[in-house]
Amino acid sequence: MKHAVDTDRFRKRLQERGMTQSGLARQLEISQGTIAKLALGESAGSKHLHRIARALGTTAEYLTGEIDDPAEGATPPPSAEELADELGLVAIKEIDLTLGLGGAYIGEGVVSEIERYLPLAWLREFTRADPQYLRVARTRGDSMKPTLSDGDLAIIDIKQNSIREQDAVWAIAVADIGMIKRIWANPDGSYKIKSDNPNVDPETAVDGEMFVLGQVVGKLGKL
C-alpha cells in the first residue's frame, strides 16, 4: 500500500536543503509535475520517491510519516565531487583577476578562486591539459574581438607559462595590469603585445616587464 507524502515535511526538507521544486526535478531528471503533485498531496506516492528522499537527505518513510526522524536510515546525498564524477564533470578554478581585454589592475588582494564544473569531454575538444592546470577567467572589454568578447570565460592553461608559440593568445600581466592578448616574441628579447581589434594599437614589453599567467586554450562565450 502506498502512503501519501506529508506535504509539510516535503516542503520543509526542500527549504532546509535550499532547493526548489524545479531544481529538484532537474537534478533527478524527472518531470516537475511529479514533484508538484507530491508537494500538493495530490499523489499517493511515486516510483521516484526513494530517489527524491535521498536528494532531500532523508527517507521515503519519513516523507510519508511512517517514522519521525529524518536521519533514520537515510543515505547521505552524494558530495559535489561524487556527483561531478558521475556526470563526467571536472572542477576548474575560476580566477577573479578582473582580467581586462584592455587591461585591469590585478594588484595584491584581488586574486581569488572559486570552482566551476565543466564537462571533461568538452574540454578535451581543444586541450589535453590536466584539469588541475586549467583556470577560467571572465574577460572584460572588446580589444580581443572577435576572438573574445566582453563577458566570455577564457580557459587558461597555467602550465604553459612561457611564450613558446608565436601569435597565440596569452593571459599576461604587465606592470600589475592583467590582460589577454596575442604575443609575438621579438629577436631582441622584447614582446609585441597585440589585440585582435584593429582599432587598438599594439604595445611592446621588454624582458622582465611581462609575467605570463598561461596560454588561453579555449573559451565559454555567449551566442
N, C-alpha and C. Protein backbone atom coordinates (compact mmCIF):
# COMPACT_ATOMS: atom_id res chain seq x y z
N MET A 1 0.84 -1.20 0.00
CA MET A 1 0.00 0.00 0.00
C MET A 1 0.88 1.26 0.00
N LYS A 2 0.58 2.17 -0.91
CA LYS A 2 1.34 3.40 -0.98
C LYS A 2 0.80 4.41 0.02
N HIS A 3 1.72 5.11 0.67
CA HIS A 3 1.34 6.15 1.63
C HIS A 3 1.51 7.52 0.98
N ALA A 4 0.59 8.41 1.27
CA ALA A 4 0.69 9.77 0.74
C ALA A 4 1.84 10.50 1.41
N VAL A 5 2.47 11.36 0.67
CA VAL A 5 3.57 12.16 1.21
C VAL A 5 3.01 13.25 2.12
N ASP A 6 3.66 13.43 3.28
CA ASP A 6 3.31 14.51 4.19
C ASP A 6 3.82 15.81 3.55
N THR A 7 2.91 16.64 3.09
CA THR A 7 3.31 17.83 2.32
C THR A 7 4.13 18.80 3.16
N ASP A 8 3.82 18.92 4.45
CA ASP A 8 4.60 19.83 5.31
C ASP A 8 6.04 19.36 5.42
N ARG A 9 6.22 18.05 5.60
CA ARG A 9 7.57 17.51 5.71
C ARG A 9 8.33 17.68 4.39
N PHE A 10 7.63 17.44 3.30
CA PHE A 10 8.26 17.55 1.99
C PHE A 10 8.75 18.98 1.75
N ARG A 11 7.89 19.95 2.02
CA ARG A 11 8.26 21.34 1.80
C ARG A 11 9.36 21.79 2.75
N LYS A 12 9.31 21.29 3.99
CA LYS A 12 10.34 21.65 4.97
C LYS A 12 11.71 21.13 4.53
N ARG A 13 11.74 19.89 4.03
CA ARG A 13 13.02 19.33 3.58
C ARG A 13 13.56 20.10 2.37
N LEU A 14 12.66 20.49 1.48
CA LEU A 14 13.09 21.31 0.34
C LEU A 14 13.74 22.60 0.83
N GLN A 15 13.06 23.25 1.79
CA GLN A 15 13.57 24.51 2.32
C GLN A 15 14.89 24.32 3.03
N GLU A 16 15.00 23.28 3.84
CA GLU A 16 16.23 23.03 4.59
C GLU A 16 17.40 22.71 3.67
N ARG A 17 17.11 22.12 2.53
CA ARG A 17 18.18 21.80 1.57
C ARG A 17 18.46 22.95 0.62
N GLY A 18 17.68 24.03 0.75
CA GLY A 18 17.88 25.18 -0.13
C GLY A 18 17.54 24.88 -1.57
N MET A 19 16.53 24.03 -1.78
CA MET A 19 16.17 23.59 -3.12
C MET A 19 14.78 24.09 -3.50
N THR A 20 14.52 24.12 -4.79
CA THR A 20 13.20 24.42 -5.31
C THR A 20 12.64 23.16 -5.96
N GLN A 21 11.34 23.16 -6.20
CA GLN A 21 10.73 22.00 -6.87
C GLN A 21 11.33 21.80 -8.26
N SER A 22 11.51 22.90 -8.99
CA SER A 22 12.07 22.78 -10.34
C SER A 22 13.52 22.32 -10.29
N GLY A 23 14.27 22.81 -9.30
CA GLY A 23 15.66 22.39 -9.17
C GLY A 23 15.78 20.92 -8.83
N LEU A 24 14.91 20.43 -7.96
CA LEU A 24 14.90 19.02 -7.60
C LEU A 24 14.55 18.16 -8.81
N ALA A 25 13.58 18.62 -9.59
CA ALA A 25 13.18 17.88 -10.78
C ALA A 25 14.32 17.79 -11.79
N ARG A 26 15.04 18.90 -11.97
CA ARG A 26 16.17 18.90 -12.91
C ARG A 26 17.28 17.98 -12.43
N GLN A 27 17.56 18.02 -11.13
CA GLN A 27 18.64 17.19 -10.58
C GLN A 27 18.36 15.71 -10.79
N LEU A 28 17.10 15.31 -10.61
CA LEU A 28 16.73 13.90 -10.71
C LEU A 28 16.26 13.51 -12.11
N GLU A 29 16.16 14.52 -13.00
CA GLU A 29 15.72 14.28 -14.37
C GLU A 29 14.34 13.62 -14.41
N ILE A 30 13.43 14.18 -13.63
CA ILE A 30 12.04 13.75 -13.66
C ILE A 30 11.18 14.99 -13.89
N SER A 31 9.92 14.80 -14.20
CA SER A 31 9.08 15.95 -14.53
C SER A 31 8.78 16.79 -13.29
N GLN A 32 8.65 18.09 -13.53
CA GLN A 32 8.30 18.98 -12.42
C GLN A 32 6.89 18.69 -11.94
N GLY A 33 6.05 18.18 -12.84
CA GLY A 33 4.69 17.83 -12.45
C GLY A 33 4.65 16.76 -11.38
N THR A 34 5.58 15.79 -11.48
CA THR A 34 5.66 14.73 -10.47
C THR A 34 5.98 15.32 -9.10
N ILE A 35 6.93 16.25 -9.07
CA ILE A 35 7.32 16.89 -7.82
C ILE A 35 6.16 17.73 -7.28
N ALA A 36 5.50 18.47 -8.17
CA ALA A 36 4.41 19.35 -7.74
C ALA A 36 3.26 18.56 -7.12
N LYS A 37 2.94 17.40 -7.70
CA LYS A 37 1.85 16.58 -7.16
C LYS A 37 2.19 16.08 -5.76
N LEU A 38 3.45 15.71 -5.54
CA LEU A 38 3.85 15.26 -4.21
C LEU A 38 3.76 16.42 -3.22
N ALA A 39 4.20 17.60 -3.65
CA ALA A 39 4.19 18.77 -2.76
C ALA A 39 2.78 19.20 -2.39
N LEU A 40 1.84 18.95 -3.29
CA LEU A 40 0.44 19.34 -3.05
C LEU A 40 -0.39 18.23 -2.42
N GLY A 41 0.23 17.07 -2.23
CA GLY A 41 -0.50 15.94 -1.67
C GLY A 41 -1.48 15.33 -2.64
N GLU A 42 -1.26 15.52 -3.92
CA GLU A 42 -2.19 15.01 -4.93
C GLU A 42 -1.78 13.64 -5.46
N SER A 43 -0.70 13.09 -4.90
CA SER A 43 -0.24 11.78 -5.34
C SER A 43 -0.05 10.89 -4.12
N ALA A 44 -0.47 9.64 -4.25
CA ALA A 44 -0.32 8.69 -3.14
C ALA A 44 1.08 8.10 -3.09
N GLY A 45 1.96 8.59 -3.91
CA GLY A 45 3.32 8.09 -3.94
C GLY A 45 3.88 8.21 -5.34
N SER A 46 5.11 7.82 -5.49
CA SER A 46 5.77 7.89 -6.79
C SER A 46 6.85 6.83 -6.84
N LYS A 47 7.07 6.29 -8.04
CA LYS A 47 8.15 5.31 -8.19
C LYS A 47 9.51 5.96 -7.96
N HIS A 48 9.53 7.31 -7.97
CA HIS A 48 10.78 8.04 -7.76
C HIS A 48 10.95 8.48 -6.30
N LEU A 49 10.04 8.07 -5.42
CA LEU A 49 10.03 8.61 -4.06
C LEU A 49 11.34 8.37 -3.32
N HIS A 50 11.93 7.18 -3.48
CA HIS A 50 13.17 6.89 -2.76
C HIS A 50 14.32 7.77 -3.27
N ARG A 51 14.35 8.03 -4.57
CA ARG A 51 15.38 8.92 -5.12
C ARG A 51 15.16 10.35 -4.65
N ILE A 52 13.90 10.76 -4.61
CA ILE A 52 13.56 12.10 -4.15
C ILE A 52 13.98 12.26 -2.69
N ALA A 53 13.66 11.25 -1.88
CA ALA A 53 14.01 11.31 -0.46
C ALA A 53 15.52 11.40 -0.27
N ARG A 54 16.27 10.64 -1.06
CA ARG A 54 17.73 10.68 -0.92
C ARG A 54 18.27 12.06 -1.27
N ALA A 55 17.73 12.66 -2.33
CA ALA A 55 18.17 14.01 -2.71
C ALA A 55 17.86 15.02 -1.61
N LEU A 56 16.81 14.73 -0.83
CA LEU A 56 16.43 15.62 0.27
C LEU A 56 17.09 15.23 1.58
N GLY A 57 17.99 14.25 1.52
CA GLY A 57 18.74 13.86 2.72
C GLY A 57 17.92 13.12 3.75
N THR A 58 16.91 12.37 3.31
CA THR A 58 16.07 11.64 4.24
C THR A 58 15.61 10.34 3.59
N THR A 59 14.50 9.78 4.09
CA THR A 59 13.97 8.53 3.56
C THR A 59 12.52 8.70 3.12
N ALA A 60 12.07 7.76 2.30
CA ALA A 60 10.67 7.77 1.88
C ALA A 60 9.76 7.59 3.08
N GLU A 61 10.21 6.79 4.06
CA GLU A 61 9.39 6.53 5.24
C GLU A 61 9.16 7.81 6.05
N TYR A 62 10.18 8.67 6.09
CA TYR A 62 9.99 9.94 6.81
C TYR A 62 9.02 10.84 6.06
N LEU A 63 9.18 10.91 4.75
CA LEU A 63 8.31 11.79 3.96
C LEU A 63 6.85 11.35 4.00
N THR A 64 6.61 10.07 4.19
CA THR A 64 5.23 9.59 4.24
C THR A 64 4.70 9.49 5.67
N GLY A 65 5.51 9.91 6.66
CA GLY A 65 5.03 9.95 8.04
C GLY A 65 5.12 8.64 8.79
N GLU A 66 5.79 7.64 8.23
CA GLU A 66 5.90 6.35 8.90
C GLU A 66 6.92 6.38 10.04
N ILE A 67 7.92 7.25 9.94
CA ILE A 67 8.88 7.45 11.02
C ILE A 67 9.02 8.96 11.23
N ASP A 68 9.57 9.34 12.39
CA ASP A 68 9.64 10.77 12.72
C ASP A 68 11.04 11.36 12.65
N ASP A 69 12.06 10.52 12.51
CA ASP A 69 13.43 11.01 12.46
C ASP A 69 13.88 11.08 10.99
N PRO A 70 14.12 12.28 10.46
CA PRO A 70 14.50 12.38 9.05
C PRO A 70 15.84 11.73 8.73
N ALA A 71 16.68 11.53 9.76
CA ALA A 71 18.00 10.95 9.53
C ALA A 71 18.01 9.43 9.63
N GLU A 72 16.96 8.86 10.21
CA GLU A 72 16.93 7.41 10.42
C GLU A 72 16.93 6.66 9.09
N GLY A 73 17.99 5.89 8.87
CA GLY A 73 18.09 5.08 7.66
C GLY A 73 18.41 5.86 6.41
N ALA A 74 18.69 7.16 6.56
CA ALA A 74 18.93 7.99 5.37
C ALA A 74 20.32 7.75 4.80
N THR A 75 20.41 7.71 3.49
CA THR A 75 21.69 7.63 2.80
C THR A 75 22.16 9.04 2.50
N PRO A 76 23.35 9.40 2.93
CA PRO A 76 23.82 10.77 2.66
C PRO A 76 23.80 11.07 1.17
N PRO A 77 23.37 12.26 0.78
CA PRO A 77 23.40 12.60 -0.64
C PRO A 77 24.83 12.64 -1.14
N PRO A 78 25.05 12.41 -2.42
CA PRO A 78 26.41 12.42 -2.94
C PRO A 78 27.06 13.78 -2.78
N SER A 79 28.37 13.77 -2.55
CA SER A 79 29.11 15.02 -2.45
C SER A 79 29.19 15.66 -3.84
N ALA A 80 29.61 16.91 -3.87
CA ALA A 80 29.76 17.60 -5.15
C ALA A 80 30.76 16.86 -6.04
N GLU A 81 31.83 16.34 -5.41
CA GLU A 81 32.84 15.63 -6.17
C GLU A 81 32.29 14.32 -6.74
N GLU A 82 31.51 13.60 -5.93
CA GLU A 82 30.93 12.34 -6.39
C GLU A 82 29.93 12.58 -7.52
N LEU A 83 29.11 13.62 -7.36
CA LEU A 83 28.12 13.93 -8.38
C LEU A 83 28.80 14.37 -9.67
N ALA A 84 29.86 15.17 -9.54
CA ALA A 84 30.60 15.62 -10.72
C ALA A 84 31.21 14.44 -11.46
N ASP A 85 31.79 13.50 -10.70
CA ASP A 85 32.40 12.33 -11.32
C ASP A 85 31.35 11.50 -12.06
N GLU A 86 30.19 11.38 -11.45
CA GLU A 86 29.11 10.61 -12.07
C GLU A 86 28.64 11.25 -13.37
N LEU A 87 28.69 12.58 -13.43
CA LEU A 87 28.21 13.31 -14.60
C LEU A 87 29.32 13.62 -15.61
N GLY A 88 30.55 13.18 -15.31
CA GLY A 88 31.66 13.43 -16.23
C GLY A 88 32.15 14.86 -16.20
N LEU A 89 32.03 15.51 -15.04
CA LEU A 89 32.47 16.90 -14.90
C LEU A 89 33.78 16.97 -14.12
N VAL A 90 34.55 18.02 -14.37
CA VAL A 90 35.77 18.25 -13.61
C VAL A 90 35.74 19.66 -13.04
N ALA A 91 36.34 19.82 -11.88
CA ALA A 91 36.37 21.12 -11.22
C ALA A 91 37.50 21.96 -11.79
N ILE A 92 37.16 23.16 -12.26
CA ILE A 92 38.14 24.11 -12.78
C ILE A 92 38.03 25.38 -11.94
N LYS A 93 39.15 25.85 -11.44
CA LYS A 93 39.13 27.06 -10.62
C LYS A 93 38.95 28.29 -11.50
N GLU A 94 38.04 29.15 -11.06
CA GLU A 94 37.87 30.43 -11.75
C GLU A 94 38.68 31.49 -11.02
N ILE A 95 39.55 32.15 -11.75
CA ILE A 95 40.39 33.19 -11.16
C ILE A 95 39.70 34.53 -11.33
N ASP A 96 39.44 35.19 -10.23
CA ASP A 96 38.83 36.51 -10.29
C ASP A 96 39.93 37.56 -10.36
N LEU A 97 40.50 37.68 -11.54
CA LEU A 97 41.57 38.66 -11.75
C LEU A 97 41.03 39.95 -12.34
N THR A 98 39.75 39.96 -12.69
CA THR A 98 39.19 41.03 -13.50
C THR A 98 40.12 41.25 -14.69
N LEU A 99 40.48 40.14 -15.33
CA LEU A 99 41.37 40.22 -16.49
C LEU A 99 40.74 41.14 -17.53
N GLY A 100 41.47 42.14 -17.94
CA GLY A 100 40.92 43.08 -18.90
C GLY A 100 41.37 42.78 -20.30
N LEU A 101 40.45 42.80 -21.23
CA LEU A 101 40.85 42.69 -22.62
C LEU A 101 41.46 44.00 -23.06
N GLY A 102 41.30 45.01 -22.25
CA GLY A 102 42.00 46.25 -22.48
C GLY A 102 42.99 46.50 -21.35
N GLY A 103 42.84 45.79 -20.24
CA GLY A 103 43.75 45.97 -19.11
C GLY A 103 42.97 46.22 -17.84
N ALA A 104 43.31 45.54 -16.76
CA ALA A 104 42.65 45.75 -15.48
C ALA A 104 43.66 45.46 -14.38
N TYR A 105 43.63 46.24 -13.33
CA TYR A 105 44.61 46.07 -12.27
C TYR A 105 44.43 44.74 -11.54
N ILE A 106 45.54 44.08 -11.26
CA ILE A 106 45.49 42.81 -10.54
C ILE A 106 46.47 42.86 -9.37
N GLY A 107 46.45 43.95 -8.64
CA GLY A 107 47.36 44.11 -7.52
C GLY A 107 47.04 43.15 -6.39
N GLU A 108 47.75 43.27 -5.29
CA GLU A 108 47.60 42.36 -4.17
C GLU A 108 46.16 42.37 -3.65
N GLY A 109 45.68 41.18 -3.28
CA GLY A 109 44.36 41.07 -2.68
C GLY A 109 43.24 40.93 -3.68
N VAL A 110 43.52 41.04 -4.97
CA VAL A 110 42.46 40.98 -5.97
C VAL A 110 42.20 39.55 -6.42
N VAL A 111 43.24 38.72 -6.40
CA VAL A 111 43.11 37.36 -6.93
C VAL A 111 42.37 36.47 -5.94
N SER A 112 41.31 35.82 -6.39
CA SER A 112 40.60 34.83 -5.58
C SER A 112 40.13 33.73 -6.51
N GLU A 113 39.75 32.60 -5.94
CA GLU A 113 39.37 31.47 -6.77
C GLU A 113 38.07 30.83 -6.28
N ILE A 114 37.18 30.51 -7.21
CA ILE A 114 36.03 29.67 -6.94
C ILE A 114 36.10 28.53 -7.94
N GLU A 115 35.22 27.55 -7.81
CA GLU A 115 35.27 26.41 -8.70
C GLU A 115 34.06 26.37 -9.61
N ARG A 116 34.30 26.02 -10.86
CA ARG A 116 33.24 25.74 -11.82
C ARG A 116 33.42 24.30 -12.28
N TYR A 117 32.31 23.63 -12.52
CA TYR A 117 32.37 22.26 -13.02
C TYR A 117 32.06 22.26 -14.51
N LEU A 118 33.00 21.74 -15.30
CA LEU A 118 32.86 21.72 -16.75
C LEU A 118 32.97 20.30 -17.27
N PRO A 119 32.28 19.98 -18.37
CA PRO A 119 32.35 18.62 -18.92
C PRO A 119 33.76 18.31 -19.43
N LEU A 120 34.33 17.22 -18.95
CA LEU A 120 35.67 16.85 -19.37
C LEU A 120 35.71 16.55 -20.87
N ALA A 121 34.67 15.90 -21.39
CA ALA A 121 34.64 15.58 -22.82
C ALA A 121 34.69 16.85 -23.66
N TRP A 122 34.02 17.90 -23.20
CA TRP A 122 34.03 19.17 -23.93
C TRP A 122 35.42 19.81 -23.87
N LEU A 123 36.06 19.79 -22.70
CA LEU A 123 37.40 20.35 -22.58
C LEU A 123 38.39 19.65 -23.50
N ARG A 124 38.19 18.34 -23.66
CA ARG A 124 39.12 17.56 -24.49
C ARG A 124 39.00 17.90 -25.98
N GLU A 125 37.98 18.68 -26.34
CA GLU A 125 37.85 19.10 -27.73
C GLU A 125 38.97 20.05 -28.13
N PHE A 126 39.54 20.76 -27.15
CA PHE A 126 40.57 21.74 -27.51
C PHE A 126 41.81 21.72 -26.62
N THR A 127 41.87 20.86 -25.60
CA THR A 127 43.09 20.76 -24.81
C THR A 127 43.21 19.39 -24.17
N ARG A 128 44.44 18.91 -24.08
CA ARG A 128 44.71 17.65 -23.38
C ARG A 128 45.32 17.93 -22.01
N ALA A 129 45.32 19.17 -21.59
CA ALA A 129 45.94 19.55 -20.33
C ALA A 129 45.23 18.90 -19.14
N ASP A 130 46.01 18.58 -18.12
CA ASP A 130 45.44 18.08 -16.87
C ASP A 130 44.55 19.17 -16.29
N PRO A 131 43.30 18.86 -15.93
CA PRO A 131 42.39 19.89 -15.41
C PRO A 131 42.93 20.67 -14.23
N GLN A 132 43.86 20.08 -13.45
CA GLN A 132 44.39 20.81 -12.31
C GLN A 132 45.21 22.03 -12.74
N TYR A 133 45.63 22.05 -14.02
CA TYR A 133 46.40 23.18 -14.52
C TYR A 133 45.55 24.15 -15.34
N LEU A 134 44.25 23.95 -15.35
CA LEU A 134 43.37 24.84 -16.09
C LEU A 134 42.69 25.83 -15.15
N ARG A 135 42.49 27.02 -15.64
CA ARG A 135 41.76 28.06 -14.92
C ARG A 135 40.81 28.74 -15.90
N VAL A 136 39.75 29.32 -15.37
CA VAL A 136 38.89 30.16 -16.20
C VAL A 136 38.89 31.56 -15.61
N ALA A 137 38.77 32.56 -16.48
CA ALA A 137 38.74 33.95 -16.03
C ALA A 137 37.77 34.71 -16.92
N ARG A 138 36.90 35.50 -16.32
CA ARG A 138 35.93 36.27 -17.09
C ARG A 138 36.61 37.50 -17.67
N THR A 139 36.41 37.70 -18.96
CA THR A 139 37.09 38.78 -19.66
C THR A 139 36.28 40.07 -19.63
N ARG A 140 36.97 41.17 -19.85
CA ARG A 140 36.35 42.49 -19.86
C ARG A 140 36.84 43.27 -21.08
N GLY A 141 35.96 44.01 -21.71
CA GLY A 141 36.37 44.87 -22.81
C GLY A 141 36.21 44.22 -24.18
N ASP A 142 36.62 44.96 -25.22
CA ASP A 142 36.41 44.47 -26.59
C ASP A 142 37.68 44.48 -27.43
N SER A 143 38.85 44.61 -26.80
CA SER A 143 40.08 44.72 -27.58
C SER A 143 40.47 43.42 -28.27
N MET A 144 39.88 42.27 -27.83
CA MET A 144 40.21 41.00 -28.47
C MET A 144 39.09 40.47 -29.35
N LYS A 145 38.11 41.31 -29.65
CA LYS A 145 37.07 40.89 -30.59
C LYS A 145 37.68 40.71 -31.97
N PRO A 146 37.24 39.71 -32.73
CA PRO A 146 36.11 38.80 -32.48
C PRO A 146 36.49 37.52 -31.73
N THR A 147 37.77 37.35 -31.39
CA THR A 147 38.19 36.11 -30.73
C THR A 147 37.54 35.96 -29.37
N LEU A 148 37.57 37.02 -28.58
CA LEU A 148 36.97 37.03 -27.25
C LEU A 148 36.13 38.28 -27.10
N SER A 149 34.96 38.11 -26.51
CA SER A 149 34.06 39.24 -26.28
C SER A 149 33.95 39.53 -24.80
N ASP A 150 33.46 40.70 -24.49
CA ASP A 150 33.26 41.10 -23.10
C ASP A 150 32.34 40.09 -22.40
N GLY A 151 32.80 39.56 -21.27
CA GLY A 151 31.99 38.61 -20.50
C GLY A 151 32.27 37.16 -20.80
N ASP A 152 33.07 36.86 -21.83
CA ASP A 152 33.43 35.47 -22.10
C ASP A 152 34.27 34.91 -20.94
N LEU A 153 34.24 33.59 -20.80
CA LEU A 153 35.13 32.92 -19.86
C LEU A 153 36.29 32.33 -20.65
N ALA A 154 37.46 32.88 -20.44
CA ALA A 154 38.66 32.36 -21.10
C ALA A 154 39.20 31.18 -20.30
N ILE A 155 39.55 30.11 -20.99
CA ILE A 155 40.12 28.93 -20.35
C ILE A 155 41.63 28.99 -20.53
N ILE A 156 42.34 28.98 -19.42
CA ILE A 156 43.77 29.24 -19.41
C ILE A 156 44.53 28.03 -18.89
N ASP A 157 45.56 27.62 -19.64
CA ASP A 157 46.45 26.55 -19.21
C ASP A 157 47.64 27.19 -18.52
N ILE A 158 47.66 27.15 -17.18
CA ILE A 158 48.70 27.86 -16.44
C ILE A 158 50.04 27.13 -16.46
N LYS A 159 50.05 25.88 -16.94
CA LYS A 159 51.32 25.18 -17.05
C LYS A 159 52.13 25.73 -18.22
N GLN A 160 51.42 26.29 -19.20
CA GLN A 160 52.09 26.93 -20.34
C GLN A 160 52.37 28.39 -19.95
N ASN A 161 53.46 28.60 -19.24
CA ASN A 161 53.73 29.95 -18.71
C ASN A 161 54.98 30.58 -19.30
N SER A 162 55.38 30.12 -20.48
CA SER A 162 56.45 30.80 -21.22
C SER A 162 56.04 30.84 -22.68
N ILE A 163 56.40 31.92 -23.36
CA ILE A 163 55.95 32.13 -24.73
C ILE A 163 56.70 31.18 -25.66
N ARG A 164 56.01 30.12 -26.06
CA ARG A 164 56.60 29.13 -26.96
C ARG A 164 55.93 29.12 -28.33
N GLU A 165 54.76 29.73 -28.40
CA GLU A 165 54.01 29.74 -29.66
C GLU A 165 53.73 31.18 -30.06
N GLN A 166 54.32 31.58 -31.18
CA GLN A 166 54.16 32.94 -31.66
C GLN A 166 52.72 33.22 -32.06
N ASP A 167 52.27 34.42 -31.72
CA ASP A 167 50.97 34.93 -32.13
C ASP A 167 49.80 34.17 -31.51
N ALA A 168 50.07 33.37 -30.48
CA ALA A 168 48.98 32.71 -29.75
C ALA A 168 48.38 33.70 -28.75
N VAL A 169 47.27 33.31 -28.14
CA VAL A 169 46.59 34.19 -27.18
C VAL A 169 47.03 33.79 -25.77
N TRP A 170 47.46 34.78 -25.00
CA TRP A 170 48.00 34.52 -23.67
C TRP A 170 47.35 35.43 -22.63
N ALA A 171 47.27 34.93 -21.41
CA ALA A 171 46.88 35.75 -20.26
C ALA A 171 48.18 36.23 -19.62
N ILE A 172 48.34 37.54 -19.55
CA ILE A 172 49.59 38.10 -19.07
C ILE A 172 49.32 39.22 -18.07
N ALA A 173 50.38 39.64 -17.40
CA ALA A 173 50.33 40.81 -16.54
C ALA A 173 51.53 41.67 -16.87
N VAL A 174 51.29 42.94 -17.12
CA VAL A 174 52.36 43.91 -17.38
C VAL A 174 52.16 45.06 -16.42
N ALA A 175 53.17 45.30 -15.58
CA ALA A 175 53.09 46.38 -14.58
C ALA A 175 51.82 46.26 -13.74
N ASP A 176 51.54 45.05 -13.26
CA ASP A 176 50.38 44.78 -12.41
C ASP A 176 49.05 45.00 -13.10
N ILE A 177 49.05 45.00 -14.42
CA ILE A 177 47.80 45.10 -15.17
C ILE A 177 47.59 43.79 -15.91
N GLY A 178 46.47 43.11 -15.62
CA GLY A 178 46.18 41.85 -16.27
C GLY A 178 45.49 42.06 -17.60
N MET A 179 45.81 41.23 -18.57
CA MET A 179 45.20 41.37 -19.89
C MET A 179 45.32 40.06 -20.65
N ILE A 180 44.50 39.93 -21.67
CA ILE A 180 44.57 38.79 -22.58
C ILE A 180 44.88 39.34 -23.96
N LYS A 181 46.01 38.90 -24.52
CA LYS A 181 46.48 39.45 -25.79
C LYS A 181 47.20 38.39 -26.60
N ARG A 182 47.43 38.71 -27.86
CA ARG A 182 48.34 37.91 -28.68
C ARG A 182 49.77 38.41 -28.43
N ILE A 183 50.69 37.48 -28.33
CA ILE A 183 52.07 37.84 -28.02
C ILE A 183 53.00 37.35 -29.13
N TRP A 184 53.90 38.23 -29.53
CA TRP A 184 54.92 37.90 -30.52
C TRP A 184 56.28 38.21 -29.91
N ALA A 185 57.15 37.19 -29.82
CA ALA A 185 58.48 37.39 -29.26
C ALA A 185 59.40 37.99 -30.33
N ASN A 186 60.00 39.13 -30.02
CA ASN A 186 60.92 39.79 -30.94
C ASN A 186 62.34 39.27 -30.76
N PRO A 187 63.18 39.36 -31.80
CA PRO A 187 64.56 38.87 -31.70
C PRO A 187 65.38 39.52 -30.60
N ASP A 188 65.05 40.77 -30.24
CA ASP A 188 65.83 41.48 -29.22
C ASP A 188 65.40 41.13 -27.79
N GLY A 189 64.46 40.17 -27.63
CA GLY A 189 64.02 39.76 -26.30
C GLY A 189 62.79 40.48 -25.80
N SER A 190 62.34 41.48 -26.53
CA SER A 190 61.10 42.17 -26.16
C SER A 190 59.90 41.41 -26.73
N TYR A 191 58.72 41.84 -26.34
CA TYR A 191 57.50 41.16 -26.79
C TYR A 191 56.52 42.18 -27.36
N LYS A 192 55.97 41.84 -28.52
CA LYS A 192 54.92 42.66 -29.11
C LYS A 192 53.58 42.17 -28.59
N ILE A 193 52.81 43.07 -28.00
CA ILE A 193 51.52 42.74 -27.40
C ILE A 193 50.43 43.27 -28.33
N LYS A 194 49.68 42.35 -28.94
CA LYS A 194 48.73 42.74 -29.97
C LYS A 194 47.29 42.41 -29.58
N SER A 195 46.37 43.22 -30.05
CA SER A 195 44.94 42.98 -29.89
C SER A 195 44.37 42.50 -31.21
N ASP A 196 43.26 41.76 -31.16
CA ASP A 196 42.59 41.34 -32.39
C ASP A 196 41.71 42.45 -32.95
N ASN A 197 41.33 43.39 -32.11
CA ASN A 197 40.56 44.54 -32.55
C ASN A 197 41.51 45.50 -33.28
N PRO A 198 41.31 45.74 -34.58
CA PRO A 198 42.25 46.57 -35.35
C PRO A 198 42.30 48.02 -34.88
N ASN A 199 41.34 48.44 -34.07
CA ASN A 199 41.33 49.82 -33.58
C ASN A 199 42.22 50.02 -32.36
N VAL A 200 42.80 48.92 -31.85
CA VAL A 200 43.66 49.01 -30.67
C VAL A 200 45.11 48.84 -31.11
N ASP A 201 45.94 49.82 -30.79
CA ASP A 201 47.34 49.79 -31.21
C ASP A 201 48.14 48.76 -30.42
N PRO A 202 49.13 48.12 -31.05
CA PRO A 202 49.98 47.17 -30.33
C PRO A 202 50.92 47.90 -29.37
N GLU A 203 51.42 47.15 -28.39
CA GLU A 203 52.36 47.68 -27.43
C GLU A 203 53.58 46.78 -27.38
N THR A 204 54.61 47.22 -26.69
CA THR A 204 55.83 46.43 -26.55
C THR A 204 56.22 46.33 -25.09
N ALA A 205 56.61 45.13 -24.67
CA ALA A 205 57.10 44.93 -23.30
C ALA A 205 58.51 44.37 -23.40
N VAL A 206 59.43 44.93 -22.63
CA VAL A 206 60.79 44.41 -22.62
C VAL A 206 60.86 43.24 -21.66
N ASP A 207 61.90 42.44 -21.80
CA ASP A 207 62.06 41.26 -20.96
C ASP A 207 62.08 41.65 -19.49
N GLY A 208 61.28 40.96 -18.69
CA GLY A 208 61.20 41.26 -17.26
C GLY A 208 59.99 42.09 -16.89
N GLU A 209 59.39 42.78 -17.87
CA GLU A 209 58.20 43.59 -17.59
C GLU A 209 56.93 42.76 -17.61
N MET A 210 56.96 41.65 -18.34
CA MET A 210 55.74 40.88 -18.58
C MET A 210 55.77 39.55 -17.83
N PHE A 211 54.68 39.27 -17.12
CA PHE A 211 54.52 38.00 -16.42
C PHE A 211 53.46 37.19 -17.15
N VAL A 212 53.79 35.96 -17.52
CA VAL A 212 52.86 35.11 -18.26
C VAL A 212 52.06 34.26 -17.28
N LEU A 213 50.75 34.45 -17.26
CA LEU A 213 49.87 33.66 -16.40
C LEU A 213 49.59 32.30 -17.02
N GLY A 214 49.45 32.26 -18.35
CA GLY A 214 49.17 31.00 -19.03
C GLY A 214 48.66 31.25 -20.43
N GLN A 215 48.55 30.17 -21.20
CA GLN A 215 48.05 30.28 -22.57
C GLN A 215 46.54 30.06 -22.59
N VAL A 216 45.84 30.91 -23.32
CA VAL A 216 44.39 30.76 -23.48
C VAL A 216 44.15 29.67 -24.52
N VAL A 217 43.46 28.61 -24.10
CA VAL A 217 43.28 27.44 -24.98
C VAL A 217 41.83 27.26 -25.42
N GLY A 218 40.92 28.04 -24.87
CA GLY A 218 39.52 27.91 -25.25
C GLY A 218 38.69 28.98 -24.57
N LYS A 219 37.40 28.93 -24.80
CA LYS A 219 36.53 29.92 -24.18
C LYS A 219 35.12 29.38 -24.03
N LEU A 220 34.40 29.97 -23.09
CA LEU A 220 32.96 29.80 -22.96
C LEU A 220 32.37 31.17 -23.23
N GLY A 221 31.54 31.27 -24.25
CA GLY A 221 31.01 32.58 -24.60
C GLY A 221 29.54 32.55 -24.91
N LYS A 222 28.97 33.74 -24.98
CA LYS A 222 27.56 33.90 -25.31
C LYS A 222 27.37 33.85 -26.81
N LEU A 223 26.21 33.35 -27.23
CA LEU A 223 25.88 33.35 -28.66
C LEU A 223 25.56 34.75 -29.12
